[in-house]
Amino acid sequence: MKTRRDFIRSAVLGASATWTLPGFIDRTFAELGDEARDRSTQFTTGKDGSILVVLQLAGGNDGLNTLVPFGNDEYYKARPKLAKKQKDLIRLSDGIGLNNSMPFLGSLFKEGRLGVVQGVGYPNPNRSHFVSTSIWETADTTNRANTGWLGRYFDNACEGVDPTVGMSFNKSTPESFGAMRNPGVSLSSPELYRWIHSGGNQAQAEEFFSELNQPGNDDEDGPTDGGSIDMPAGGKVGGLAGESNLDFLERVALDAQVSSKKILEVAAKHKTNVQYDGTPIARNLNLVSRMIAGGMATRVYYVSHGGFDTHNGQINSHDRLLGQLDSALKSFFADLKQQGNDKRVTLMTFSEFGRRVSENASAGTDHGKASCMFVAGGGVKGGLYGKYPSLTELSQGDLNHTVDFRSVYADLLGGWLKAPNIGKILGGEYKGIGMI
């Protein structure tokens, strides 16, 4: 095992010989600087290359108050305080309405550009945030997989591409990016995707690397500098399968040191007159649009919108979260259209579970099972998919799923990303729902 001093000393001089970096430096950044300066398309995938944006609604989004069964009396009986009135909904069909905090998604649906999947879940669901999120991220209901569904896509369908094939705007790499060979990269923002304390000085760089390994820097809040090279305590990491924590830190830090300048150049390249809100989800989608406009060779972007664990006082907080989501998506898709990239991007939302049918005594809802998903953008055949779950035939007070989430993944992998070996990626054969 090389020492940290040896690693830092050789980082810049030896970067071009490191297995993770030759293509990343020699191809991606050289071409971004020389060929993609005035382009708004990915150079590696061509003008028509497709992009998937995965948007996590973290905490367990209440599907019943997002996609509302206003035609069902059982809904109003179960939720005397929280139920949404028909007049306050965006009508999608007889008996089904969209929360009116999402007018943009409502307009997309009416234009035939939004797919809404009802009753999404999986067999024998788990109400734990950690376990259920892991199941969605790995597409493995046994929760035993050591790679993620997107990481397996990178490994099986993106051989030889740049590490930026997947890019996450989270403080830690999502478990869905876990891969045998190429787990993508994770950054909170381009400005944070580097050794902030190093300044090119070896001694300062070594001090910063040492800080990353101090107790308290592996918790869920990440390093104290706000960087994105944090490790979940005792949990699985969306890195290379079998990779140690130290190896992970060294690899990501080396990638970051060499690439940050170019990432910053790409982020600064795109100028837009589209206004984004100041919310975290809007800022992250703005960064995604900048990466797309700047020509990044990225096939999958991952962002998260949190706060959906609405056990108390749900009605105002939930509507606010959905409104923030809707506003951010409106700006994002307007930006893509202005770039000429709107037909190249499809966005999918997911949440680890829904909420219980009945409200609780705290004017909130507790962890449930089935919920809903949204898929919008290029190639999407708009409409309602699946069957709305019964509100009387429940499983311990929860909705039973009518659509397996892996069927949605199958649609996106095969229909949108044109991936081969979908059964290998998902660990089984799943028929798509015909949305793409």
Protein backbone atom coordinates (compact mmCIF):
# COMPACT_ATOMS: atom_id res chain seq x y z
CA MET A 1 0.00 0.00 0.00
CA LYS A 2 1.53 3.31 -1.05
CA THR A 3 1.70 6.07 1.51
CA ARG A 4 -0.47 9.15 1.24
CA ARG A 5 2.72 11.22 0.68
CA ASP A 6 3.70 8.99 -2.23
CA PHE A 7 0.19 9.27 -3.60
CA ILE A 8 0.08 13.07 -3.42
CA ARG A 9 3.62 13.43 -4.77
CA SER A 10 2.77 11.33 -7.82
CA ALA A 11 -0.81 12.56 -8.30
CA VAL A 12 -0.14 15.25 -10.90
CA LEU A 13 2.94 13.77 -12.58
CA GLY A 14 1.49 10.27 -12.76
CA ALA A 15 -2.14 11.06 -13.43
CA SER A 16 -1.96 10.24 -17.13
CA ALA A 17 -0.75 6.74 -16.26
CA THR A 18 -3.52 6.01 -13.76
CA TRP A 19 -6.08 3.45 -14.90
CA THR A 20 -9.09 5.62 -14.18
CA LEU A 21 -7.92 8.74 -15.94
CA PRO A 22 -6.38 8.52 -19.44
CA GLY A 23 -9.67 8.68 -21.30
CA PHE A 24 -11.07 11.19 -18.85
CA ILE A 25 -8.19 13.63 -19.38
CA ASP A 26 -6.96 12.93 -22.90
CA ARG A 27 -10.36 12.59 -24.55
CA THR A 28 -13.09 14.24 -22.48
CA PHE A 29 -11.36 17.41 -21.39
CA ALA A 30 -9.25 17.90 -24.51
CA GLU A 31 -12.30 17.66 -26.71
CA LEU A 32 -14.40 19.78 -24.40
CA GLY A 33 -11.83 22.53 -24.61
CA ASP A 34 -11.01 22.28 -28.32
CA GLU A 35 -14.15 20.98 -30.00
CA ALA A 36 -17.16 21.55 -27.73
CA ARG A 37 -16.59 25.19 -26.85
CA ASP A 38 -19.51 26.39 -28.94
CA ARG A 39 -21.57 23.21 -28.97
CA SER A 40 -24.61 22.21 -26.95
CA THR A 41 -24.42 18.46 -27.59
CA GLN A 42 -22.38 15.59 -26.19
CA PHE A 43 -19.36 14.84 -28.35
CA THR A 44 -19.06 11.17 -27.43
CA THR A 45 -22.66 10.14 -27.98
CA GLY A 46 -23.36 12.31 -30.97
CA LYS A 47 -25.97 14.92 -31.65
CA ASP A 48 -28.82 12.58 -30.83
CA GLY A 49 -27.29 10.92 -27.76
CA SER A 50 -29.89 10.32 -25.04
CA ILE A 51 -29.54 11.44 -21.43
CA LEU A 52 -31.38 10.18 -18.35
CA VAL A 53 -31.86 12.35 -15.25
CA VAL A 54 -32.81 10.43 -12.09
CA LEU A 55 -34.48 12.58 -9.44
CA GLN A 56 -34.90 11.09 -5.97
CA LEU A 57 -37.76 12.31 -3.77
CA ALA A 58 -36.03 11.35 -0.54
CA GLY A 59 -37.96 10.48 2.60
CA GLY A 60 -40.95 8.65 1.16
CA ASN A 61 -43.26 10.80 -0.96
CA ASP A 62 -46.98 10.56 -0.17
CA GLY A 63 -48.36 9.30 -3.47
CA LEU A 64 -51.97 9.63 -2.30
CA ASN A 65 -51.68 13.41 -1.96
CA THR A 66 -49.53 13.72 -5.08
CA LEU A 67 -51.72 11.70 -7.42
CA VAL A 68 -55.11 12.02 -5.74
CA PRO A 69 -58.02 9.55 -6.13
CA PHE A 70 -60.66 12.25 -5.67
CA GLY A 71 -63.37 9.96 -7.04
CA ASN A 72 -62.93 7.49 -4.17
CA ASP A 73 -64.89 8.09 -0.96
CA GLU A 74 -62.45 5.87 0.99
CA TYR A 75 -59.74 8.47 0.43
CA TYR A 76 -61.76 11.14 2.24
CA LYS A 77 -62.73 8.77 5.04
CA ALA A 78 -59.07 7.89 5.66
CA ARG A 79 -57.88 11.49 5.57
CA PRO A 80 -60.40 13.88 7.12
CA LYS A 81 -57.72 16.59 7.59
CA LEU A 82 -55.23 15.90 4.80
CA ALA A 83 -57.46 14.97 1.87
CA LYS A 84 -57.23 17.26 -1.16
CA LYS A 85 -60.52 18.58 -2.48
CA GLN A 86 -61.43 18.03 -6.12
CA LYS A 87 -61.57 21.76 -6.83
CA ASP A 88 -57.94 22.06 -5.71
CA LEU A 89 -56.63 19.43 -8.14
CA ILE A 90 -55.45 19.31 -11.73
CA ARG A 91 -57.76 16.74 -13.30
CA LEU A 92 -55.95 13.99 -15.21
CA SER A 93 -58.82 11.54 -15.71
CA ASP A 94 -62.14 10.55 -14.19
CA GLY A 95 -61.42 10.25 -10.49
CA ILE A 96 -57.66 11.01 -10.62
CA GLY A 97 -56.13 14.45 -10.12
CA LEU A 98 -52.67 15.94 -9.69
CA ASN A 99 -51.79 18.04 -6.67
CA ASN A 100 -52.31 21.64 -7.78
CA SER A 101 -48.86 22.60 -6.45
CA MET A 102 -47.57 21.15 -9.73
CA PRO A 103 -49.08 23.20 -12.57
CA PHE A 104 -46.08 22.66 -14.84
CA LEU A 105 -46.35 18.88 -14.60
CA GLY A 106 -50.07 19.26 -15.20
CA SER A 107 -49.37 21.16 -18.42
CA LEU A 108 -46.84 18.51 -19.51
CA PHE A 109 -49.47 15.82 -18.97
CA LYS A 110 -52.03 17.70 -21.08
CA GLU A 111 -49.41 18.07 -23.83
CA GLY A 112 -48.76 14.32 -23.78
CA ARG A 113 -45.20 14.70 -22.49
CA LEU A 114 -45.59 13.32 -18.96
CA GLY A 115 -45.97 9.69 -18.01
CA VAL A 116 -47.50 9.05 -14.58
CA VAL A 117 -47.06 5.55 -13.16
CA GLN A 118 -49.63 4.56 -10.54
CA GLY A 119 -49.08 2.11 -7.70
CA VAL A 120 -45.34 1.59 -8.13
CA GLY A 121 -43.55 -0.67 -5.68
CA TYR A 122 -42.11 -4.17 -5.28
CA PRO A 123 -43.01 -7.50 -3.62
CA ASN A 124 -42.60 -7.83 0.16
CA PRO A 125 -41.85 -4.13 0.63
CA ASN A 126 -39.78 -2.73 3.47
CA ARG A 127 -40.68 0.44 5.41
CA SER A 128 -37.10 1.27 6.40
CA HIS A 129 -35.73 4.35 4.63
CA PHE A 130 -32.28 2.80 4.31
CA VAL A 131 -33.35 -0.68 3.23
CA SER A 132 -36.03 0.42 0.79
CA THR A 133 -33.79 3.06 -0.78
CA SER A 134 -31.12 0.40 -1.20
CA ILE A 135 -33.64 -1.88 -2.92
CA TRP A 136 -34.62 0.85 -5.38
CA GLU A 137 -30.97 1.77 -5.97
CA THR A 138 -29.78 -1.79 -6.57
CA ALA A 139 -32.99 -3.14 -8.17
CA ASP A 140 -32.58 -6.13 -5.85
CA THR A 141 -35.47 -6.88 -3.50
CA THR A 142 -33.29 -9.26 -1.46
CA ASN A 143 -31.01 -6.29 -0.66
CA ARG A 144 -27.89 -8.39 -1.28
CA ALA A 145 -26.47 -6.80 -4.43
CA ASN A 146 -23.11 -5.04 -4.17
CA THR A 147 -23.68 -3.01 -7.34
CA GLY A 148 -26.40 -0.58 -8.41
CA TRP A 149 -28.74 -0.74 -11.39
CA LEU A 150 -27.09 2.26 -13.04
CA GLY A 151 -23.62 0.98 -12.21
CA ARG A 152 -24.47 -2.30 -13.96
CA TYR A 153 -25.69 -0.25 -16.92
CA PHE A 154 -22.34 1.55 -17.00
CA ASP A 155 -20.47 -1.76 -16.80
CA ASN A 156 -22.56 -3.64 -19.37
CA ALA A 157 -23.44 -0.95 -21.90
CA CYS A 158 -20.79 1.78 -21.57
CA GLU A 159 -17.51 -0.11 -21.79
CA GLY A 160 -14.50 2.15 -22.28
CA VAL A 161 -16.30 5.45 -21.74
CA ASP A 162 -15.20 8.29 -19.48
CA PRO A 163 -15.79 8.22 -15.72
CA THR A 164 -18.24 11.06 -16.25
CA VAL A 165 -20.68 8.61 -17.86
CA GLY A 166 -22.62 9.04 -14.59
CA MET A 167 -22.64 12.24 -12.55
CA SER A 168 -24.33 12.70 -9.18
CA PHE A 169 -24.96 16.08 -7.56
CA ASN A 170 -25.13 14.63 -4.07
CA LYS A 171 -22.75 14.78 -1.12
CA SER A 172 -22.11 11.06 -1.53
CA THR A 173 -22.17 8.68 -4.46
CA PRO A 174 -25.62 7.06 -4.80
CA GLU A 175 -25.77 3.34 -4.33
CA SER A 176 -27.32 3.03 -7.80
CA PHE A 177 -23.92 4.05 -9.25
CA GLY A 178 -22.11 1.13 -7.56
CA ALA A 179 -20.18 -0.69 -10.29
CA MET A 180 -17.47 -3.27 -10.95
CA ARG A 181 -15.50 -0.94 -13.23
CA ASN A 182 -16.99 2.54 -13.66
CA PRO A 183 -19.07 4.08 -10.85
CA GLY A 184 -19.28 7.57 -12.31
CA VAL A 185 -18.43 10.67 -10.27
CA SER A 186 -20.17 12.55 -7.50
CA LEU A 187 -19.98 16.26 -6.77
CA SER A 188 -22.07 18.71 -4.81
CA SER A 189 -21.18 21.48 -7.26
CA PRO A 190 -18.30 22.09 -9.68
CA GLU A 191 -16.72 24.47 -7.16
CA LEU A 192 -16.61 21.66 -4.56
CA TYR A 193 -15.29 19.04 -6.94
CA ARG A 194 -11.65 19.58 -6.02
CA TRP A 195 -9.32 19.72 -3.06
CA ILE A 196 -10.46 23.07 -1.81
CA HIS A 197 -7.65 23.38 0.76
CA SER A 198 -4.74 22.26 -1.42
CA GLY A 199 -4.20 25.22 -3.75
CA GLY A 200 -1.61 23.14 -5.56
CA ASN A 201 0.55 22.93 -2.40
CA GLN A 202 1.68 19.41 -1.50
CA ALA A 203 1.78 19.98 2.25
CA GLN A 204 -1.70 21.50 2.29
CA ALA A 205 -3.00 18.72 0.05
CA GLU A 206 -1.67 16.09 2.43
CA GLU A 207 -3.26 17.91 5.37
CA PHE A 208 -6.62 17.99 3.58
CA PHE A 209 -6.40 14.31 2.68
CA SER A 210 -5.63 13.58 6.33
CA GLU A 211 -8.69 15.60 7.37
CA LEU A 212 -10.90 13.37 5.24
CA ASN A 213 -9.81 10.41 7.33
CA GLN A 214 -10.41 11.99 10.75
CA PRO A 215 -13.19 10.63 12.99
CA GLY A 216 -16.47 12.36 12.32
CA ASN A 217 -15.85 12.84 8.62
CA ASP A 218 -17.60 9.64 7.59
CA ASP A 219 -21.05 10.43 8.92
CA GLU A 220 -24.12 11.30 6.93
CA ASP A 221 -23.29 15.00 6.94
CA GLY A 222 -20.01 14.46 5.11
CA PRO A 223 -16.71 16.34 5.47
CA THR A 224 -16.76 19.62 7.32
CA ASP A 225 -15.68 21.54 4.22
CA GLY A 226 -18.90 20.59 2.43
CA GLY A 227 -17.07 18.48 -0.15
CA SER A 228 -18.45 15.42 -1.80
CA ILE A 229 -15.91 12.73 -0.93
CA ASP A 230 -17.80 11.39 2.09
CA MET A 231 -18.44 7.81 3.07
CA PRO A 232 -21.58 6.49 4.80
CA ALA A 233 -20.65 4.94 8.12
CA GLY A 234 -20.79 1.17 7.85
CA GLY A 235 -22.87 1.35 4.69
CA LYS A 236 -22.37 0.35 1.09
CA VAL A 237 -20.81 2.88 -1.25
CA GLY A 238 -21.65 3.59 -4.86
CA GLY A 239 -18.04 2.98 -5.86
CA LEU A 240 -16.19 0.04 -7.32
CA ALA A 241 -17.23 -3.35 -5.98
CA GLY A 242 -14.76 -4.53 -3.33
CA GLU A 243 -13.01 -1.18 -3.11
CA SER A 244 -11.74 -0.12 0.32
CA ASN A 245 -12.62 3.24 1.82
CA LEU A 246 -9.04 4.46 1.45
CA ASP A 247 -8.86 3.33 -2.19
CA PHE A 248 -12.15 5.08 -2.84
CA LEU A 249 -10.90 8.32 -1.30
CA GLU A 250 -7.62 8.20 -3.22
CA ARG A 251 -9.29 7.50 -6.54
CA VAL A 252 -11.95 10.19 -6.16
CA ALA A 253 -9.46 12.73 -4.83
CA LEU A 254 -7.12 12.11 -7.77
CA ASP A 255 -9.97 12.46 -10.24
CA ALA A 256 -11.03 15.65 -8.50
CA GLN A 257 -7.57 17.25 -8.41
CA VAL A 258 -6.92 16.70 -12.10
CA SER A 259 -10.40 17.44 -13.43
CA SER A 260 -11.82 20.26 -11.31
CA LYS A 261 -10.46 23.09 -13.44
CA LYS A 262 -12.12 21.71 -16.54
CA ILE A 263 -15.38 20.99 -14.72
CA LEU A 264 -15.43 24.62 -13.66
CA GLU A 265 -14.83 25.72 -17.26
CA VAL A 266 -17.75 23.59 -18.45
CA ALA A 267 -20.03 24.95 -15.72
CA ALA A 268 -19.13 28.54 -16.58
CA LYS A 269 -19.58 28.05 -20.30
CA HIS A 270 -23.38 27.99 -20.41
CA LYS A 271 -25.28 31.24 -19.97
CA THR A 272 -29.06 31.20 -19.78
CA ASN A 273 -31.80 33.77 -19.25
CA VAL A 274 -34.02 31.13 -17.64
CA GLN A 275 -34.63 31.97 -13.99
CA TYR A 276 -34.12 29.21 -11.41
CA ASP A 277 -35.31 29.40 -7.80
CA GLY A 278 -32.77 29.37 -5.00
CA THR A 279 -33.85 25.95 -3.71
CA PRO A 280 -31.31 23.10 -3.62
CA ILE A 281 -33.20 21.08 -6.23
CA ALA A 282 -33.38 24.08 -8.59
CA ARG A 283 -29.66 24.78 -8.14
CA ASN A 284 -28.77 21.16 -8.86
CA LEU A 285 -30.95 20.97 -11.97
CA ASN A 286 -29.34 24.22 -13.09
CA LEU A 287 -25.94 22.52 -12.73
CA VAL A 288 -27.20 19.54 -14.74
CA SER A 289 -28.37 21.85 -17.54
CA ARG A 290 -24.97 23.57 -17.52
CA MET A 291 -23.18 20.23 -17.83
CA ILE A 292 -25.43 19.20 -20.73
CA ALA A 293 -24.99 22.52 -22.52
CA GLY A 294 -21.25 22.40 -21.93
CA GLY A 295 -20.90 19.08 -23.73
CA MET A 296 -20.19 16.65 -20.89
CA ALA A 297 -20.04 13.03 -22.02
CA THR A 298 -22.57 12.03 -19.38
CA ARG A 299 -25.41 9.61 -19.98
CA VAL A 300 -26.98 9.65 -16.49
CA TYR A 301 -27.33 12.52 -14.01
CA TYR A 302 -28.58 11.96 -10.45
CA VAL A 303 -30.09 14.63 -8.18
CA SER A 304 -32.10 14.50 -4.96
CA HIS A 305 -34.94 16.52 -3.43
CA GLY A 306 -35.39 15.71 0.26
CA GLY A 307 -37.81 16.36 3.08
CA PHE A 308 -40.63 13.96 2.20
CA ASP A 309 -40.70 12.12 5.55
CA THR A 310 -43.92 13.89 6.51
CA HIS A 311 -44.93 12.39 9.86
CA ASN A 312 -46.14 15.72 11.24
CA GLY A 313 -48.04 18.68 9.82
CA GLN A 314 -47.87 17.30 6.33
CA ILE A 315 -50.34 19.40 4.40
CA ASN A 316 -48.28 22.59 4.09
CA SER A 317 -44.84 21.01 3.94
CA HIS A 318 -45.81 18.45 1.32
CA ASP A 319 -47.46 21.01 -0.95
CA ARG A 320 -44.38 23.22 -0.57
CA LEU A 321 -42.00 20.40 -1.54
CA LEU A 322 -44.10 19.50 -4.59
CA GLY A 323 -44.21 23.17 -5.58
CA GLN A 324 -40.43 23.43 -5.35
CA LEU A 325 -40.10 20.34 -7.50
CA ASP A 326 -42.52 21.67 -10.10
CA SER A 327 -40.86 25.08 -10.31
CA ALA A 328 -37.39 23.54 -10.66
CA LEU A 329 -38.58 21.22 -13.42
CA LYS A 330 -40.24 24.10 -15.26
CA SER A 331 -36.96 26.04 -15.32
CA PHE A 332 -34.94 22.95 -16.21
CA PHE A 333 -37.03 21.95 -19.22
CA ALA A 334 -37.24 25.57 -20.41
CA ASP A 335 -33.44 25.74 -20.23
CA LEU A 336 -33.07 22.50 -22.18
CA LYS A 337 -35.46 23.76 -24.86
CA GLN A 338 -33.49 26.98 -25.17
CA GLN A 339 -30.32 24.90 -25.66
CA GLY A 340 -31.99 22.66 -28.22
CA ASN A 341 -31.43 19.64 -25.95
CA ASP A 342 -34.99 19.07 -24.70
CA LYS A 343 -35.59 16.06 -26.94
CA ARG A 344 -32.39 14.40 -25.74
CA VAL A 345 -33.28 14.34 -22.04
CA THR A 346 -35.72 12.17 -20.11
CA LEU A 347 -36.23 12.65 -16.36
CA MET A 348 -37.53 10.06 -13.92
CA THR A 349 -38.58 10.60 -10.30
CA PHE A 350 -38.60 7.93 -7.61
CA SER A 351 -39.12 7.68 -3.86
CA GLU A 352 -38.26 4.79 -1.56
CA PHE A 353 -41.90 4.23 -0.54
CA GLY A 354 -45.26 5.94 -0.22
CA ARG A 355 -47.22 6.70 2.97
CA ARG A 356 -50.01 4.95 4.87
CA VAL A 357 -53.53 5.42 3.56
CA SER A 358 -54.84 6.80 6.86
CA GLU A 359 -53.48 10.02 8.32
CA ASN A 360 -51.99 9.85 11.82
CA ALA A 361 -52.83 11.82 14.97
CA SER A 362 -50.13 14.40 14.16
CA ALA A 363 -51.76 15.54 10.91
CA GLY A 364 -49.16 13.58 8.98
CA THR A 365 -48.69 10.17 7.44
CA ASP A 366 -46.40 7.28 8.35
CA HIS A 367 -44.20 5.04 6.22
CA GLY A 368 -46.17 3.07 3.66
CA LYS A 369 -45.54 1.06 0.52
CA ALA A 370 -46.72 1.82 -3.03
CA SER A 371 -46.55 5.34 -4.48
CA CYS A 372 -46.30 7.01 -7.91
CA MET A 373 -43.56 7.97 -10.36
CA PHE A 374 -43.21 10.68 -13.00
CA VAL A 375 -41.32 10.31 -16.29
CA ALA A 376 -41.01 13.38 -18.52
CA GLY A 377 -39.10 14.55 -21.55
CA GLY A 378 -37.86 13.20 -24.84
CA GLY A 379 -39.43 10.01 -26.12
CA VAL A 380 -42.06 9.76 -23.39
CA LYS A 381 -45.55 8.71 -24.38
CA GLY A 382 -47.63 10.68 -21.95
CA GLY A 383 -50.54 9.31 -19.96
CA LEU A 384 -51.46 7.27 -16.92
CA TYR A 385 -49.76 3.89 -16.58
CA GLY A 386 -50.62 0.99 -14.33
CA LYS A 387 -53.69 0.66 -12.16
CA TYR A 388 -54.45 2.86 -9.17
CA PRO A 389 -54.20 0.63 -6.06
CA SER A 390 -57.31 -0.30 -4.15
CA LEU A 391 -58.01 1.78 -1.03
CA THR A 392 -59.95 -1.07 0.59
CA GLU A 393 -57.77 -4.11 -0.20
CA LEU A 394 -54.80 -3.02 1.85
CA SER A 395 -51.69 -4.66 3.26
CA GLN A 396 -51.42 -3.69 6.95
CA GLY A 397 -52.91 -0.30 6.17
CA ASP A 398 -50.79 0.22 3.06
CA LEU A 399 -51.44 0.32 -0.66
CA ASN A 400 -50.48 -2.79 -2.60
CA HIS A 401 -48.30 -2.12 -5.62
CA THR A 402 -49.68 -2.76 -9.11
CA VAL A 403 -46.48 -1.99 -11.07
CA ASP A 404 -43.01 -3.32 -10.26
CA PHE A 405 -40.53 -0.43 -10.37
CA ARG A 406 -38.11 -2.57 -12.39
CA SER A 407 -40.59 -2.52 -15.26
CA VAL A 408 -40.13 1.26 -15.41
CA TYR A 409 -36.36 0.79 -15.31
CA ALA A 410 -36.65 -1.71 -18.16
CA ASP A 411 -38.49 0.88 -20.25
CA LEU A 412 -35.83 3.49 -19.65
CA LEU A 413 -32.88 1.14 -20.15
CA GLY A 414 -34.16 -0.48 -23.31
CA GLY A 415 -36.37 2.17 -24.85
CA TRP A 416 -34.40 5.29 -23.95
CA LEU A 417 -30.77 4.35 -23.25
CA LYS A 418 -30.82 1.47 -25.78
CA ALA A 419 -28.98 -0.80 -23.35
CA PRO A 420 -28.38 -4.45 -24.25
CA ASN A 421 -28.67 -7.26 -21.71
CA ILE A 422 -31.41 -5.59 -19.67
CA GLY A 423 -32.05 -8.85 -17.84
CA LYS A 424 -28.42 -8.90 -16.69
CA ILE A 425 -28.61 -5.28 -15.55
CA LEU A 426 -31.85 -5.78 -13.60
CA GLY A 427 -31.16 -9.30 -12.40
CA GLY A 428 -34.18 -10.74 -14.17
CA GLU A 429 -36.50 -10.25 -17.13
CA TYR A 430 -38.93 -7.40 -16.70
CA LYS A 431 -41.33 -6.26 -19.37
CA GLY A 432 -41.47 -2.52 -19.90
CA ILE A 433 -44.75 -0.63 -19.55
CA GLY A 434 -44.59 0.93 -23.02
CA MET A 435 -43.92 4.48 -21.89
CA ILE A 436 -40.94 5.06 -24.20
